[in-house]
Amino acid sequence: MTYQGYYLLNKDRSVTPCTVEEWAANHIPHKVAHWSMTNGDVEISTVFLGLNHAFGPGPPLIFETMVFTDIYPDIDNDMHRYSTWDQALAGHKEMIERVEAYLLLHKAGILT
């Protein structure tokens, strides 16, 4: 059995390598965390991808945090990827802090 960058998320939030056939038959998108501004102008989503996006040596990057906004093009589609659930959750919180800092600077007129 050859593993080619496909992973399944276990109930304990660990991951298991699998074949493409196993991934296709068993992969369920998993939301790690979600955040949005009260008015909905910015959303941050962190999910389990189940596909290795590292495209090279090193640990698999199978979780992703992404920013979505139509109002602030400088941060729209900002993205980071992670290897574990805990890294993804910490990265989600860091992204919220970065976006909130950006929005404060933007509101103050420092960023336009």
PDB file of N, CA and C in Angstrom:
ATOM      1  N   MET A   1       0.851  -1.173   0.000  1.00  0.00           N
ATOM      2  CA  MET A   1       0.000   0.000   0.000  1.00  0.00           C
ATOM      3  C   MET A   1       0.903   1.244   0.000  1.00  0.00           C
ATOM      4  N   THR A   2       0.697   2.136  -0.951  1.00  0.00           N
ATOM      5  CA  THR A   2       1.495   3.350  -1.055  1.00  0.00           C
ATOM      6  C   THR A   2       0.658   4.552  -0.635  1.00  0.00           C
ATOM      7  N   TYR A   3       1.196   5.351   0.259  1.00  0.00           N
ATOM      8  CA  TYR A   3       0.523   6.570   0.695  1.00  0.00           C
ATOM      9  C   TYR A   3       1.061   7.725  -0.125  1.00  0.00           C
ATOM     10  N   GLN A   4       0.174   8.567  -0.626  1.00  0.00           N
ATOM     11  CA  GLN A   4       0.587   9.624  -1.526  1.00  0.00           C
ATOM     12  C   GLN A   4       0.075  10.987  -1.102  1.00  0.00           C
ATOM     13  N   GLY A   5       0.047  11.245   0.191  1.00  0.00           N
ATOM     14  CA  GLY A   5      -0.343  12.567   0.649  1.00  0.00           C
ATOM     15  C   GLY A   5      -1.801  12.713   1.009  1.00  0.00           C
ATOM     16  N   TYR A   6      -2.494  11.609   1.234  1.00  0.00           N
ATOM     17  CA  TYR A   6      -3.898  11.656   1.635  1.00  0.00           C
ATOM     18  C   TYR A   6      -4.000  11.246   3.100  1.00  0.00           C
ATOM     19  N   TYR A   7      -4.894  11.899   3.830  1.00  0.00           N
ATOM     20  CA  TYR A   7      -5.014  11.658   5.265  1.00  0.00           C
ATOM     21  C   TYR A   7      -6.477  11.668   5.679  1.00  0.00           C
ATOM     22  N   LEU A   8      -6.763  10.898   6.718  1.00  0.00           N
ATOM     23  CA  LEU A   8      -8.079  10.905   7.353  1.00  0.00           C
ATOM     24  C   LEU A   8      -7.921  11.431   8.768  1.00  0.00           C
ATOM     25  N   LEU A   9      -8.934  12.138   9.225  1.00  0.00           N
ATOM     26  CA  LEU A   9      -8.938  12.697  10.576  1.00  0.00           C
ATOM     27  C   LEU A   9      -9.631  11.710  11.499  1.00  0.00           C
ATOM     28  N   ASN A  10      -8.935  11.333  12.574  1.00  0.00           N
ATOM     29  CA  ASN A  10      -9.476  10.392  13.546  1.00  0.00           C
ATOM     30  C   ASN A  10     -10.319  11.121  14.586  1.00  0.00           C
ATOM     31  N   LYS A  11     -11.108  10.362  15.334  1.00  0.00           N
ATOM     32  CA  LYS A  11     -11.966  10.963  16.365  1.00  0.00           C
ATOM     33  C   LYS A  11     -11.173  11.720  17.415  1.00  0.00           C
ATOM     34  N   ASP A  12      -9.930  11.287  17.675  1.00  0.00           N
ATOM     35  CA  ASP A  12      -9.091  11.972  18.660  1.00  0.00           C
ATOM     36  C   ASP A  12      -8.335  13.153  18.037  1.00  0.00           C
ATOM     37  N   ARG A  13      -8.671  13.505  16.803  1.00  0.00           N
ATOM     38  CA  ARG A  13      -8.100  14.625  16.043  1.00  0.00           C
ATOM     39  C   ARG A  13      -6.677  14.367  15.551  1.00  0.00           C
ATOM     40  N   SER A  14      -6.198  13.159  15.690  1.00  0.00           N
ATOM     41  CA  SER A  14      -4.939  12.774  15.049  1.00  0.00           C
ATOM     42  C   SER A  14      -5.262  12.437  13.595  1.00  0.00           C
ATOM     43  N   VAL A  15      -4.220  12.274  12.787  1.00  0.00           N
ATOM     44  CA  VAL A  15      -4.434  11.959  11.375  1.00  0.00           C
ATOM     45  C   VAL A  15      -3.756  10.642  11.021  1.00  0.00           C
ATOM     46  N   THR A  16      -4.315   9.973  10.026  1.00  0.00           N
ATOM     47  CA  THR A  16      -3.786   8.702   9.546  1.00  0.00           C
ATOM     48  C   THR A  16      -3.583   8.795   8.046  1.00  0.00           C
ATOM     49  N   PRO A  17      -2.372   8.440   7.553  1.00  0.00           N
ATOM     50  CA  PRO A  17      -2.178   8.397   6.103  1.00  0.00           C
ATOM     51  C   PRO A  17      -3.079   7.329   5.492  1.00  0.00           C
ATOM     52  N   CYS A  18      -3.512   7.567   4.272  1.00  0.00           N
ATOM     53  CA  CYS A  18      -4.364   6.602   3.595  1.00  0.00           C
ATOM     54  C   CYS A  18      -4.141   6.682   2.085  1.00  0.00           C
ATOM     55  N   THR A  19      -4.711   5.749   1.383  1.00  0.00           N
ATOM     56  CA  THR A  19      -4.631   5.761  -0.072  1.00  0.00           C
ATOM     57  C   THR A  19      -5.686   6.726  -0.615  1.00  0.00           C
ATOM     58  N   VAL A  20      -5.553   7.073  -1.870  1.00  0.00           N
ATOM     59  CA  VAL A  20      -6.530   7.962  -2.486  1.00  0.00           C
ATOM     60  C   VAL A  20      -7.919   7.323  -2.474  1.00  0.00           C
ATOM     61  N   GLU A  21      -7.978   6.021  -2.628  1.00  0.00           N
ATOM     62  CA  GLU A  21      -9.271   5.328  -2.604  1.00  0.00           C
ATOM     63  C   GLU A  21      -9.915   5.408  -1.222  1.00  0.00           C
ATOM     64  N   GLU A  22      -9.097   5.196  -0.175  1.00  0.00           N
ATOM     65  CA  GLU A  22      -9.616   5.305   1.196  1.00  0.00           C
ATOM     66  C   GLU A  22     -10.058   6.733   1.490  1.00  0.00           C
ATOM     67  N   TRP A  23      -9.264   7.702   1.021  1.00  0.00           N
ATOM     68  CA  TRP A  23      -9.606   9.114   1.244  1.00  0.00           C
ATOM     69  C   TRP A  23     -10.926   9.445   0.557  1.00  0.00           C
ATOM     70  N   ALA A  24     -11.074   9.042  -0.704  1.00  0.00           N
ATOM     71  CA  ALA A  24     -12.293   9.347  -1.453  1.00  0.00           C
ATOM     72  C   ALA A  24     -13.524   8.716  -0.813  1.00  0.00           C
ATOM     73  N   ALA A  25     -13.355   7.539  -0.247  1.00  0.00           N
ATOM     74  CA  ALA A  25     -14.488   6.838   0.343  1.00  0.00           C
ATOM     75  C   ALA A  25     -14.839   7.332   1.745  1.00  0.00           C
ATOM     76  N   ASN A  26     -13.872   7.938   2.449  1.00  0.00           N
ATOM     77  CA  ASN A  26     -14.077   8.243   3.866  1.00  0.00           C
ATOM     78  C   ASN A  26     -13.874   9.697   4.264  1.00  0.00           C
ATOM     79  N   HIS A  27     -13.327  10.535   3.393  1.00  0.00           N
ATOM     80  CA  HIS A  27     -13.029  11.917   3.775  1.00  0.00           C
ATOM     81  C   HIS A  27     -14.316  12.706   3.981  1.00  0.00           C
ATOM     82  N   ILE A  28     -14.365  13.352   5.109  1.00  0.00           N
ATOM     83  CA  ILE A  28     -15.458  14.263   5.424  1.00  0.00           C
ATOM     84  C   ILE A  28     -14.809  15.597   5.768  1.00  0.00           C
ATOM     85  N   PRO A  29     -15.220  16.688   5.120  1.00  0.00           N
ATOM     86  CA  PRO A  29     -14.626  17.984   5.483  1.00  0.00           C
ATOM     87  C   PRO A  29     -14.881  18.274   6.965  1.00  0.00           C
ATOM     88  N   HIS A  30     -13.847  18.707   7.646  1.00  0.00           N
ATOM     89  CA  HIS A  30     -13.957  19.000   9.072  1.00  0.00           C
ATOM     90  C   HIS A  30     -13.596  20.451   9.325  1.00  0.00           C
ATOM     91  N   LYS A  31     -14.487  21.148   9.970  1.00  0.00           N
ATOM     92  CA  LYS A  31     -14.219  22.519  10.365  1.00  0.00           C
ATOM     93  C   LYS A  31     -13.488  22.488  11.701  1.00  0.00           C
ATOM     94  N   VAL A  32     -12.347  23.136  11.767  1.00  0.00           N
ATOM     95  CA  VAL A  32     -11.596  23.247  13.013  1.00  0.00           C
ATOM     96  C   VAL A  32     -12.128  24.442  13.797  1.00  0.00           C
ATOM     97  N   ALA A  33     -12.273  25.586  13.116  1.00  0.00           N
ATOM     98  CA  ALA A  33     -12.753  26.798  13.773  1.00  0.00           C
ATOM     99  C   ALA A  33     -13.254  27.779  12.714  1.00  0.00           C
ATOM    100  N   HIS A  34     -14.128  28.683  13.139  1.00  0.00           N
ATOM    101  CA  HIS A  34     -14.658  29.715  12.248  1.00  0.00           C
ATOM    102  C   HIS A  34     -14.859  30.990  13.054  1.00  0.00           C
ATOM    103  N   TRP A  35     -14.558  32.125  12.423  1.00  0.00           N
ATOM    104  CA  TRP A  35     -14.723  33.435  13.060  1.00  0.00           C
ATOM    105  C   TRP A  35     -15.232  34.395  12.009  1.00  0.00           C
ATOM    106  N   SER A  36     -16.119  35.286  12.388  1.00  0.00           N
ATOM    107  CA  SER A  36     -16.539  36.339  11.471  1.00  0.00           C
ATOM    108  C   SER A  36     -16.844  37.600  12.260  1.00  0.00           C
ATOM    109  N   MET A  37     -16.642  38.719  11.574  1.00  0.00           N
ATOM    110  CA  MET A  37     -17.000  40.003  12.175  1.00  0.00           C
ATOM    111  C   MET A  37     -18.517  40.054  12.305  1.00  0.00           C
ATOM    112  N   THR A  38     -18.992  40.852  13.235  1.00  0.00           N
ATOM    113  CA  THR A  38     -20.423  40.972  13.470  1.00  0.00           C
ATOM    114  C   THR A  38     -21.171  41.334  12.194  1.00  0.00           C
ATOM    115  N   ASN A  39     -20.601  42.219  11.394  1.00  0.00           N
ATOM    116  CA  ASN A  39     -21.271  42.646  10.169  1.00  0.00           C
ATOM    117  C   ASN A  39     -20.977  41.725   8.988  1.00  0.00           C
ATOM    118  N   GLY A  40     -20.149  40.719   9.186  1.00  0.00           N
ATOM    119  CA  GLY A  40     -19.860  39.742   8.144  1.00  0.00           C
ATOM    120  C   GLY A  40     -18.874  40.185   7.088  1.00  0.00           C
ATOM    121  N   ASP A  41     -18.199  41.326   7.293  1.00  0.00           N
ATOM    122  CA  ASP A  41     -17.250  41.819   6.289  1.00  0.00           C
ATOM    123  C   ASP A  41     -16.008  40.949   6.151  1.00  0.00           C
ATOM    124  N   VAL A  42     -15.646  40.243   7.216  1.00  0.00           N
ATOM    125  CA  VAL A  42     -14.461  39.387   7.195  1.00  0.00           C
ATOM    126  C   VAL A  42     -14.805  38.063   7.871  1.00  0.00           C
ATOM    127  N   GLU A  43     -14.392  36.972   7.248  1.00  0.00           N
ATOM    128  CA  GLU A  43     -14.545  35.652   7.844  1.00  0.00           C
ATOM    129  C   GLU A  43     -13.202  34.945   7.814  1.00  0.00           C
ATOM    130  N   ILE A  44     -12.947  34.152   8.843  1.00  0.00           N
ATOM    131  CA  ILE A  44     -11.749  33.319   8.909  1.00  0.00           C
ATOM    132  C   ILE A  44     -12.206  31.896   9.150  1.00  0.00           C
ATOM    133  N   SER A  45     -11.747  31.002   8.292  1.00  0.00           N
ATOM    134  CA  SER A  45     -12.140  29.610   8.380  1.00  0.00           C
ATOM    135  C   SER A  45     -10.891  28.738   8.467  1.00  0.00           C
ATOM    136  N   THR A  46     -10.928  27.778   9.381  1.00  0.00           N
ATOM    137  CA  THR A  46      -9.844  26.805   9.502  1.00  0.00           C
ATOM    138  C   THR A  46     -10.455  25.419   9.345  1.00  0.00           C
ATOM    139  N   VAL A  47      -9.889  24.645   8.411  1.00  0.00           N
ATOM    140  CA  VAL A  47     -10.457  23.344   8.078  1.00  0.00           C
ATOM    141  C   VAL A  47      -9.370  22.284   7.942  1.00  0.00           C
ATOM    142  N   PHE A  48      -9.790  21.028   8.046  1.00  0.00           N
ATOM    143  CA  PHE A  48      -8.943  19.881   7.742  1.00  0.00           C
ATOM    144  C   PHE A  48      -9.119  19.572   6.262  1.00  0.00           C
ATOM    145  N   LEU A  49      -8.017  19.627   5.506  1.00  0.00           N
ATOM    146  CA  LEU A  49      -8.067  19.378   4.071  1.00  0.00           C
ATOM    147  C   LEU A  49      -7.977  17.894   3.733  1.00  0.00           C
ATOM    148  N   GLY A  50      -7.123  17.190   4.458  1.00  0.00           N
ATOM    149  CA  GLY A  50      -6.918  15.782   4.176  1.00  0.00           C
ATOM    150  C   GLY A  50      -5.989  15.506   3.005  1.00  0.00           C
ATOM    151  N   LEU A  51      -5.495  16.548   2.382  1.00  0.00           N
ATOM    152  CA  LEU A  51      -4.538  16.437   1.279  1.00  0.00           C
ATOM    153  C   LEU A  51      -3.287  17.199   1.649  1.00  0.00           C
ATOM    154  N   ASN A  52      -2.143  16.597   1.439  1.00  0.00           N
ATOM    155  CA  ASN A  52      -0.882  17.242   1.785  1.00  0.00           C
ATOM    156  C   ASN A  52      -0.570  18.345   0.778  1.00  0.00           C
ATOM    157  N   HIS A  53      -0.507  19.577   1.274  1.00  0.00           N
ATOM    158  CA  HIS A  53      -0.189  20.732   0.437  1.00  0.00           C
ATOM    159  C   HIS A  53       1.245  21.206   0.642  1.00  0.00           C
ATOM    160  N   ALA A  54       2.102  20.359   1.207  1.00  0.00           N
ATOM    161  CA  ALA A  54       3.498  20.748   1.410  1.00  0.00           C
ATOM    162  C   ALA A  54       4.270  20.720   0.099  1.00  0.00           C
ATOM    163  N   PHE A  55       3.955  19.802  -0.785  1.00  0.00           N
ATOM    164  CA  PHE A  55       4.600  19.698  -2.091  1.00  0.00           C
ATOM    165  C   PHE A  55       6.119  19.685  -1.995  1.00  0.00           C
ATOM    166  N   GLY A  56       6.636  18.940  -1.046  1.00  0.00           N
ATOM    167  CA  GLY A  56       8.071  18.822  -0.879  1.00  0.00           C
ATOM    168  C   GLY A  56       8.379  18.157   0.438  1.00  0.00           C
ATOM    169  N   PRO A  57       9.654  18.187   0.836  1.00  0.00           N
ATOM    170  CA  PRO A  57      10.033  17.539   2.094  1.00  0.00           C
ATOM    171  C   PRO A  57       9.443  18.263   3.299  1.00  0.00           C
ATOM    172  N   GLY A  58       9.380  17.546   4.388  1.00  0.00           N
ATOM    173  CA  GLY A  58       8.864  18.122   5.624  1.00  0.00           C
ATOM    174  C   GLY A  58       7.532  17.508   5.996  1.00  0.00           C
ATOM    175  N   PRO A  59       6.991  17.951   7.109  1.00  0.00           N
ATOM    176  CA  PRO A  59       5.728  17.373   7.570  1.00  0.00           C
ATOM    177  C   PRO A  59       4.588  17.745   6.618  1.00  0.00           C
ATOM    178  N   PRO A  60       3.559  16.921   6.574  1.00  0.00           N
ATOM    179  CA  PRO A  60       2.424  17.224   5.698  1.00  0.00           C
ATOM    180  C   PRO A  60       1.670  18.461   6.186  1.00  0.00           C
ATOM    181  N   LEU A  61       1.216  19.264   5.252  1.00  0.00           N
ATOM    182  CA  LEU A  61       0.398  20.434   5.566  1.00  0.00           C
ATOM    183  C   LEU A  61      -1.024  20.106   5.142  1.00  0.00           C
ATOM    184  N   ILE A  62      -1.844  19.724   6.122  1.00  0.00           N
ATOM    185  CA  ILE A  62      -3.159  19.164   5.827  1.00  0.00           C
ATOM    186  C   ILE A  62      -4.312  19.899   6.490  1.00  0.00           C
ATOM    187  N   PHE A  63      -3.994  20.985   7.186  1.00  0.00           N
ATOM    188  CA  PHE A  63      -5.000  21.879   7.746  1.00  0.00           C
ATOM    189  C   PHE A  63      -4.753  23.264   7.160  1.00  0.00           C
ATOM    190  N   GLU A  64      -5.820  24.067   7.037  1.00  0.00           N
ATOM    191  CA  GLU A  64      -5.664  25.372   6.402  1.00  0.00           C
ATOM    192  C   GLU A  64      -6.550  26.412   7.067  1.00  0.00           C
ATOM    193  N   THR A  65      -5.959  27.601   7.311  1.00  0.00           N
ATOM    194  CA  THR A  65      -6.713  28.768   7.757  1.00  0.00           C
ATOM    195  C   THR A  65      -6.719  29.765   6.613  1.00  0.00           C
ATOM    196  N   MET A  66      -7.901  30.323   6.329  1.00  0.00           N
ATOM    197  CA  MET A  66      -8.012  31.264   5.220  1.00  0.00           C
ATOM    198  C   MET A  66      -8.940  32.413   5.594  1.00  0.00           C
ATOM    199  N   VAL A  67      -8.593  33.611   5.107  1.00  0.00           N
ATOM    200  CA  VAL A  67      -9.388  34.821   5.316  1.00  0.00           C
ATOM    201  C   VAL A  67     -10.220  35.074   4.067  1.00  0.00           C
ATOM    202  N   PHE A  68     -11.487  35.425   4.274  1.00  0.00           N
ATOM    203  CA  PHE A  68     -12.389  35.761   3.179  1.00  0.00           C
ATOM    204  C   PHE A  68     -13.003  37.134   3.434  1.00  0.00           C
ATOM    205  N   THR A  69     -12.852  38.036   2.481  1.00  0.00           N
ATOM    206  CA  THR A  69     -13.459  39.358   2.586  1.00  0.00           C
ATOM    207  C   THR A  69     -13.544  40.007   1.213  1.00  0.00           C
ATOM    208  N   ASP A  70     -14.631  40.688   0.962  1.00  0.00           N
ATOM    209  CA  ASP A  70     -14.776  41.462  -0.269  1.00  0.00           C
ATOM    210  C   ASP A  70     -14.405  42.923  -0.037  1.00  0.00           C
ATOM    211  N   ILE A  71     -14.250  43.323   1.210  1.00  0.00           N
ATOM    212  CA  ILE A  71     -14.051  44.725   1.574  1.00  0.00           C
ATOM    213  C   ILE A  71     -12.571  45.094   1.662  1.00  0.00           C
ATOM    214  N   TYR A  72     -11.731  44.174   2.097  1.00  0.00           N
ATOM    215  CA  TYR A  72     -10.314  44.459   2.361  1.00  0.00           C
ATOM    216  C   TYR A  72      -9.426  43.565   1.486  1.00  0.00           C
ATOM    217  N   PRO A  73      -9.129  43.983   0.262  1.00  0.00           N
ATOM    218  CA  PRO A  73      -8.367  43.118  -0.646  1.00  0.00           C
ATOM    219  C   PRO A  73      -6.957  42.772  -0.148  1.00  0.00           C
ATOM    220  N   ASP A  74      -6.384  43.598   0.726  1.00  0.00           N
ATOM    221  CA  ASP A  74      -5.034  43.312   1.230  1.00  0.00           C
ATOM    222  C   ASP A  74      -4.967  42.029   2.057  1.00  0.00           C
ATOM    223  N   ILE A  75      -6.074  41.633   2.653  1.00  0.00           N
ATOM    224  CA  ILE A  75      -6.061  40.434   3.493  1.00  0.00           C
ATOM    225  C   ILE A  75      -6.921  39.307   2.932  1.00  0.00           C
ATOM    226  N   ASP A  76      -7.683  39.584   1.875  1.00  0.00           N
ATOM    227  CA  ASP A  76      -8.524  38.551   1.276  1.00  0.00           C
ATOM    228  C   ASP A  76      -7.654  37.389   0.794  1.00  0.00           C
ATOM    229  N   ASN A  77      -8.049  36.208   1.160  1.00  0.00           N
ATOM    230  CA  ASN A  77      -7.346  34.968   0.799  1.00  0.00           C
ATOM    231  C   ASN A  77      -6.004  34.783   1.487  1.00  0.00           C
ATOM    232  N   ASP A  78      -5.700  35.580   2.537  1.00  0.00           N
ATOM    233  CA  ASP A  78      -4.517  35.262   3.344  1.00  0.00           C
ATOM    234  C   ASP A  78      -4.702  33.837   3.863  1.00  0.00           C
ATOM    235  N   MET A  79      -3.626  33.059   3.853  1.00  0.00           N
ATOM    236  CA  MET A  79      -3.772  31.658   4.167  1.00  0.00           C
ATOM    237  C   MET A  79      -2.496  31.124   4.809  1.00  0.00           C
ATOM    238  N   HIS A  80      -2.690  30.197   5.752  1.00  0.00           N
ATOM    239  CA  HIS A  80      -1.592  29.458   6.363  1.00  0.00           C
ATOM    240  C   HIS A  80      -2.022  28.009   6.489  1.00  0.00           C
ATOM    241  N   ARG A  81      -1.036  27.119   6.406  1.00  0.00           N
ATOM    242  CA  ARG A  81      -1.317  25.685   6.505  1.00  0.00           C
ATOM    243  C   ARG A  81      -0.509  25.068   7.642  1.00  0.00           C
ATOM    244  N   TYR A  82      -1.040  23.956   8.168  1.00  0.00           N
ATOM    245  CA  TYR A  82      -0.482  23.340   9.364  1.00  0.00           C
ATOM    246  C   TYR A  82      -0.506  21.820   9.249  1.00  0.00           C
ATOM    247  N   SER A  83       0.227  21.186  10.146  1.00  0.00           N
ATOM    248  CA  SER A  83       0.330  19.723  10.149  1.00  0.00           C
ATOM    249  C   SER A  83      -0.603  19.044  11.141  1.00  0.00           C
ATOM    250  N   THR A  84      -0.987  19.738  12.208  1.00  0.00           N
ATOM    251  CA  THR A  84      -1.803  19.106  13.249  1.00  0.00           C
ATOM    252  C   THR A  84      -3.004  19.978  13.609  1.00  0.00           C
ATOM    253  N   TRP A  85      -3.973  19.346  14.235  1.00  0.00           N
ATOM    254  CA  TRP A  85      -5.176  20.051  14.700  1.00  0.00           C
ATOM    255  C   TRP A  85      -4.784  21.173  15.669  1.00  0.00           C
ATOM    256  N   ASP A  86      -3.897  20.875  16.608  1.00  0.00           N
ATOM    257  CA  ASP A  86      -3.506  21.884  17.599  1.00  0.00           C
ATOM    258  C   ASP A  86      -2.803  23.070  16.946  1.00  0.00           C
ATOM    259  N   GLN A  87      -1.939  22.800  15.972  1.00  0.00           N
ATOM    260  CA  GLN A  87      -1.294  23.894  15.241  1.00  0.00           C
ATOM    261  C   GLN A  87      -2.338  24.723  14.491  1.00  0.00           C
ATOM    262  N   ALA A  88      -3.298  24.046  13.888  1.00  0.00           N
ATOM    263  CA  ALA A  88      -4.338  24.747  13.136  1.00  0.00           C
ATOM    264  C   ALA A  88      -5.181  25.627  14.052  1.00  0.00           C
ATOM    265  N   LEU A  89      -5.521  25.127  15.221  1.00  0.00           N
ATOM    266  CA  LEU A  89      -6.317  25.910  16.167  1.00  0.00           C
ATOM    267  C   LEU A  89      -5.531  27.126  16.651  1.00  0.00           C
ATOM    268  N   ALA A  90      -4.251  26.931  16.968  1.00  0.00           N
ATOM    269  CA  ALA A  90      -3.403  28.062  17.377  1.00  0.00           C
ATOM    270  C   ALA A  90      -3.239  29.056  16.222  1.00  0.00           C
ATOM    271  N   GLY A  91      -3.062  28.545  15.003  1.00  0.00           N
ATOM    272  CA  GLY A  91      -2.929  29.402  13.834  1.00  0.00           C
ATOM    273  C   GLY A  91      -4.195  30.189  13.558  1.00  0.00           C
ATOM    274  N   HIS A  92      -5.342  29.588  13.810  1.00  0.00           N
ATOM    275  CA  HIS A  92      -6.623  30.278  13.651  1.00  0.00           C
ATOM    276  C   HIS A  92      -6.686  31.494  14.584  1.00  0.00           C
ATOM    277  N   LYS A  93      -6.309  31.271  15.823  1.00  0.00           N
ATOM    278  CA  LYS A  93      -6.312  32.367  16.804  1.00  0.00           C
ATOM    279  C   LYS A  93      -5.325  33.459  16.403  1.00  0.00           C
ATOM    280  N   GLU A  94      -4.160  33.070  15.917  1.00  0.00           N
ATOM    281  CA  GLU A  94      -3.166  34.044  15.456  1.00  0.00           C
ATOM    282  C   GLU A  94      -3.687  34.848  14.269  1.00  0.00           C
ATOM    283  N   MET A  95      -4.396  34.188  13.360  1.00  0.00           N
ATOM    284  CA  MET A  95      -4.954  34.883  12.199  1.00  0.00           C
ATOM    285  C   MET A  95      -6.001  35.896  12.637  1.00  0.00           C
ATOM    286  N   ILE A  96      -6.825  35.542  13.605  1.00  0.00           N
ATOM    287  CA  ILE A  96      -7.810  36.494  14.127  1.00  0.00           C
ATOM    288  C   ILE A  96      -7.086  37.723  14.668  1.00  0.00           C
ATOM    289  N   GLU A  97      -6.041  37.517  15.449  1.00  0.00           N
ATOM    290  CA  GLU A  97      -5.285  38.644  16.013  1.00  0.00           C
ATOM    291  C   GLU A  97      -4.686  39.512  14.912  1.00  0.00           C
ATOM    292  N   ARG A  98      -4.128  38.886  13.878  1.00  0.00           N
ATOM    293  CA  ARG A  98      -3.535  39.644  12.771  1.00  0.00           C
ATOM    294  C   ARG A  98      -4.586  40.450  12.018  1.00  0.00           C
ATOM    295  N   VAL A  99      -5.739  39.830  11.771  1.00  0.00           N
ATOM    296  CA  VAL A  99      -6.810  40.524  11.056  1.00  0.00           C
ATOM    297  C   VAL A  99      -7.350  41.670  11.902  1.00  0.00           C
ATOM    298  N   GLU A 100      -7.552  41.437  13.185  1.00  0.00           N
ATOM    299  CA  GLU A 100      -8.040  42.513  14.057  1.00  0.00           C
ATOM    300  C   GLU A 100      -7.049  43.669  14.107  1.00  0.00           C
ATOM    301  N   ALA A 101      -5.751  43.380  14.155  1.00  0.00           N
ATOM    302  CA  ALA A 101      -4.730  44.437  14.143  1.00  0.00           C
ATOM    303  C   ALA A 101      -4.773  45.193  12.817  1.00  0.00           C
ATOM    304  N   TYR A 102      -4.897  44.465  11.723  1.00  0.00           N
ATOM    305  CA  TYR A 102      -4.997  45.100  10.406  1.00  0.00           C
ATOM    306  C   TYR A 102      -6.205  46.034  10.364  1.00  0.00           C
ATOM    307  N   LEU A 103      -7.352  45.557  10.864  1.00  0.00           N
ATOM    308  CA  LEU A 103      -8.573  46.366  10.821  1.00  0.00           C
ATOM    309  C   LEU A 103      -8.448  47.625  11.670  1.00  0.00           C
ATOM    310  N   LEU A 104      -7.781  47.522  12.817  1.00  0.00           N
ATOM    311  CA  LEU A 104      -7.557  48.716  13.644  1.00  0.00           C
ATOM    312  C   LEU A 104      -6.685  49.727  12.916  1.00  0.00           C
ATOM    313  N   LEU A 105      -5.611  49.272  12.279  1.00  0.00           N
ATOM    314  CA  LEU A 105      -4.741  50.170  11.514  1.00  0.00           C
ATOM    315  C   LEU A 105      -5.483  50.764  10.323  1.00  0.00           C
ATOM    316  N   HIS A 106      -6.304  49.970   9.687  1.00  0.00           N
ATOM    317  CA  HIS A 106      -7.083  50.453   8.554  1.00  0.00           C
ATOM    318  C   HIS A 106      -8.078  51.521   9.012  1.00  0.00           C
ATOM    319  N   LYS A 107      -8.762  51.272  10.108  1.00  0.00           N
ATOM    320  CA  LYS A 107      -9.737  52.222  10.642  1.00  0.00           C
ATOM    321  C   LYS A 107      -9.068  53.520  11.069  1.00  0.00           C
ATOM    322  N   ALA A 108      -7.842  53.419  11.577  1.00  0.00           N
ATOM    323  CA  ALA A 108      -7.104  54.611  12.014  1.00  0.00           C
ATOM    324  C   ALA A 108      -6.522  55.383  10.826  1.00  0.00           C
ATOM    325  N   GLY A 109      -6.649  54.830   9.627  1.00  0.00           N
ATOM    326  CA  GLY A 109      -6.133  55.505   8.448  1.00  0.00           C
ATOM    327  C   GLY A 109      -4.664  55.252   8.173  1.00  0.00           C
ATOM    328  N   ILE A 110      -4.061  54.387   8.958  1.00  0.00           N
ATOM    329  CA  ILE A 110      -2.643  54.069   8.775  1.00  0.00           C
ATOM    330  C   ILE A 110      -2.472  53.176   7.543  1.00  0.00           C
ATOM    331  N   LEU A 111      -3.423  52.283   7.326  1.00  0.00           N
ATOM    332  CA  LEU A 111      -3.451  51.454   6.122  1.00  0.00           C
ATOM    333  C   LEU A 111      -4.648  51.876   5.294  1.00  0.00           C
ATOM    334  N   THR A 112      -4.462  51.992   4.016  1.00  0.00           N
ATOM    335  CA  THR A 112      -5.589  52.383   3.168  1.00  0.00           C
ATOM    336  C   THR A 112      -5.807  51.373   2.073  1.00  0.00           C
TER     337      THR A 112
END
